[in-house]
Protein backbone atom coordinates (compact mmCIF):
# COMPACT_ATOMS: atom_id res chain seq x y z
CA MET A 1 27.40 36.74 41.85
CA SER A 2 24.99 39.67 41.88
CA MET A 3 25.27 42.76 44.03
CA PRO A 4 23.46 42.53 47.40
CA ASP A 5 20.10 44.33 47.51
CA GLY A 6 21.19 46.54 50.40
CA MET A 7 24.24 47.76 48.50
CA LEU A 8 22.14 48.61 45.44
CA ARG A 9 19.66 50.55 47.58
CA THR A 10 22.42 52.46 49.38
CA MET A 11 24.12 53.38 46.11
CA GLY A 12 20.79 54.52 44.72
CA LYS A 13 20.06 56.70 47.73
CA LEU A 14 23.43 58.44 47.44
CA ASN A 15 23.30 58.69 43.68
CA VAL A 16 20.03 60.62 43.41
CA PRO A 17 20.90 63.71 45.51
CA VAL A 18 24.46 63.90 44.16
CA TYR A 19 23.22 63.53 40.57
CA ARG A 20 20.64 66.31 41.09
CA LEU A 21 23.07 68.60 42.90
CA THR A 22 25.63 68.30 40.08
CA ARG A 23 23.08 67.99 37.24
CA GLY A 24 24.53 64.62 36.36
CA ARG A 25 28.17 65.70 36.16
CA VAL A 26 28.84 63.41 39.14
CA MET A 27 27.13 60.00 39.24
CA GLY A 28 25.97 60.55 35.66
CA LYS A 29 27.90 57.62 34.19
CA VAL A 30 28.66 53.97 34.85
CA GLY A 31 31.87 53.41 32.92
CA HIS A 32 31.10 55.06 29.59
CA ALA A 33 27.34 54.50 29.85
CA PRO A 34 25.16 57.49 30.74
CA VAL A 35 22.83 57.39 33.73
CA LEU A 36 19.46 59.11 34.12
CA LEU A 37 17.15 59.48 37.06
CA LEU A 38 13.84 57.68 36.53
CA THR A 39 10.90 58.73 38.67
CA SER A 40 7.97 56.34 38.65
CA ILE A 41 4.94 56.03 40.90
CA GLY A 42 5.24 53.27 43.49
CA ARG A 43 2.74 50.56 42.64
CA ARG A 44 1.92 49.97 46.31
CA SER A 45 2.66 53.33 47.93
CA GLY A 46 1.40 55.63 45.19
CA GLN A 47 4.41 57.84 46.00
CA PRO A 48 7.06 59.03 43.52
CA ARG A 49 10.16 56.82 43.56
CA THR A 50 13.42 57.83 41.89
CA ALA A 51 16.17 55.47 40.77
CA PRO A 52 19.41 55.94 38.81
CA VAL A 53 19.33 53.85 35.63
CA VAL A 54 21.75 53.34 32.73
CA PHE A 55 20.06 54.44 29.51
CA LEU A 56 20.38 54.68 25.76
CA ALA A 57 19.02 57.60 23.74
CA ASP A 58 17.21 56.17 20.70
CA GLY A 59 15.87 59.08 18.68
CA ALA A 60 13.22 60.80 20.79
CA ASN A 61 12.91 57.69 22.97
CA VAL A 62 14.95 56.58 25.95
CA ILE A 63 15.75 52.90 26.48
CA VAL A 64 16.26 51.36 29.93
CA ILE A 65 16.71 47.76 31.03
CA GLY A 66 15.33 46.30 34.27
CA SER A 67 18.41 44.19 34.96
CA ASN A 68 18.88 44.95 38.67
CA ALA A 69 22.53 43.96 38.11
CA GLY A 70 21.49 40.37 37.45
CA ASN A 71 19.61 39.98 40.72
CA VAL A 72 16.88 37.34 40.73
CA ARG A 73 14.39 40.06 41.64
CA GLU A 74 13.23 42.67 39.20
CA PRO A 75 14.00 46.27 40.24
CA ALA A 76 11.13 48.10 41.95
CA TRP A 77 11.07 50.75 39.22
CA SER A 78 10.41 48.03 36.64
CA HIS A 79 7.39 46.77 38.60
CA ASN A 80 6.26 50.38 38.98
CA LEU A 81 6.42 51.08 35.23
CA LYS A 82 4.44 47.94 34.48
CA ALA A 83 1.74 49.09 36.93
CA ASN A 84 1.73 52.76 35.82
CA VAL A 85 3.35 53.66 32.50
CA ASP A 86 3.64 57.40 33.24
CA ALA A 87 7.05 58.50 34.51
CA GLU A 88 9.63 61.28 34.41
CA VAL A 89 13.29 61.10 33.44
CA GLU A 90 16.08 63.51 34.35
CA ILE A 91 19.06 63.57 32.04
CA GLY A 92 21.49 66.09 33.43
CA SER A 93 19.33 69.16 34.07
CA ASP A 94 16.73 68.16 31.44
CA ARG A 95 13.45 66.73 32.75
CA ARG A 96 10.98 64.93 30.48
CA LEU A 97 7.63 63.27 30.97
CA VAL A 98 7.54 59.83 29.38
CA SER A 99 5.25 56.88 28.85
CA ALA A 100 6.76 53.40 29.20
CA ARG A 101 6.17 50.23 27.25
CA VAL A 102 7.96 46.89 27.31
CA ALA A 103 9.74 46.00 24.07
CA ASP A 104 9.41 42.46 22.78
CA GLY A 105 10.45 40.27 19.88
CA GLU A 106 12.92 41.68 17.36
CA GLU A 107 12.61 45.20 18.78
CA ARG A 108 13.71 43.91 22.20
CA ALA A 109 16.61 41.96 20.67
CA GLU A 110 17.82 44.99 18.71
CA LEU A 111 17.57 47.34 21.70
CA TRP A 112 19.35 44.78 23.89
CA ARG A 113 22.22 44.65 21.37
CA LYS A 114 22.46 48.45 21.33
CA MET A 115 22.41 48.70 25.12
CA ASN A 116 24.97 45.93 25.53
CA ALA A 117 27.27 47.62 23.00
CA GLN A 118 27.18 50.71 25.22
CA TYR A 119 27.46 48.85 28.54
CA ALA A 120 28.68 45.25 28.23
CA GLY A 121 27.39 44.27 31.67
CA PHE A 122 23.89 43.48 30.44
CA ASP A 123 24.84 40.13 28.91
CA ASP A 124 26.56 39.20 32.20
CA TYR A 125 23.45 40.21 34.15
CA ASP A 126 21.28 38.11 31.82
CA GLU A 127 23.46 35.07 32.50
CA ARG A 128 23.18 35.55 36.28
CA THR A 129 19.40 35.39 36.45
CA SER A 130 16.70 33.01 35.31
CA ARG A 131 14.09 35.75 34.87
CA ASP A 132 13.33 37.53 31.62
CA ILE A 133 14.84 41.00 31.90
CA ALA A 134 12.47 43.71 30.69
CA VAL A 135 13.61 46.26 28.11
CA PHE A 136 11.58 49.46 28.34
CA VAL A 137 11.01 52.08 25.67
CA LEU A 138 10.28 55.45 27.30
CA GLU A 139 8.42 57.60 24.79
CA PRO A 140 7.83 61.35 25.16
CA ARG A 141 4.37 62.37 26.39
């Protein structure tokens, strides 16, 4: 069973200010997996939208997965990145401008394995939903 949408939104709203206030020392991990703040431009509103997201550092790139905890709906930030690839990530007190692309094929499979090794929930999320979960590569701009 996936987490209710309202609970995810509430957690996200609390996470962002606490993360920023503490520079990621609080709310900066889910289990052992690090969390960043991803700011994308709302595809409908045109306004900046910030969401906490588990990530994997992969060289200069940052990897994020649009799992939405296995919900049948894709997270809003995933839709936003597909509509506008320019975004910003905050990792602790470090802010970076990035450009997003969706990984596919063998690259997607390899990044999925790496992410799941760091946070085993992704395979569970994949089993909960019938949609294809996007794996994003966030490259420095």
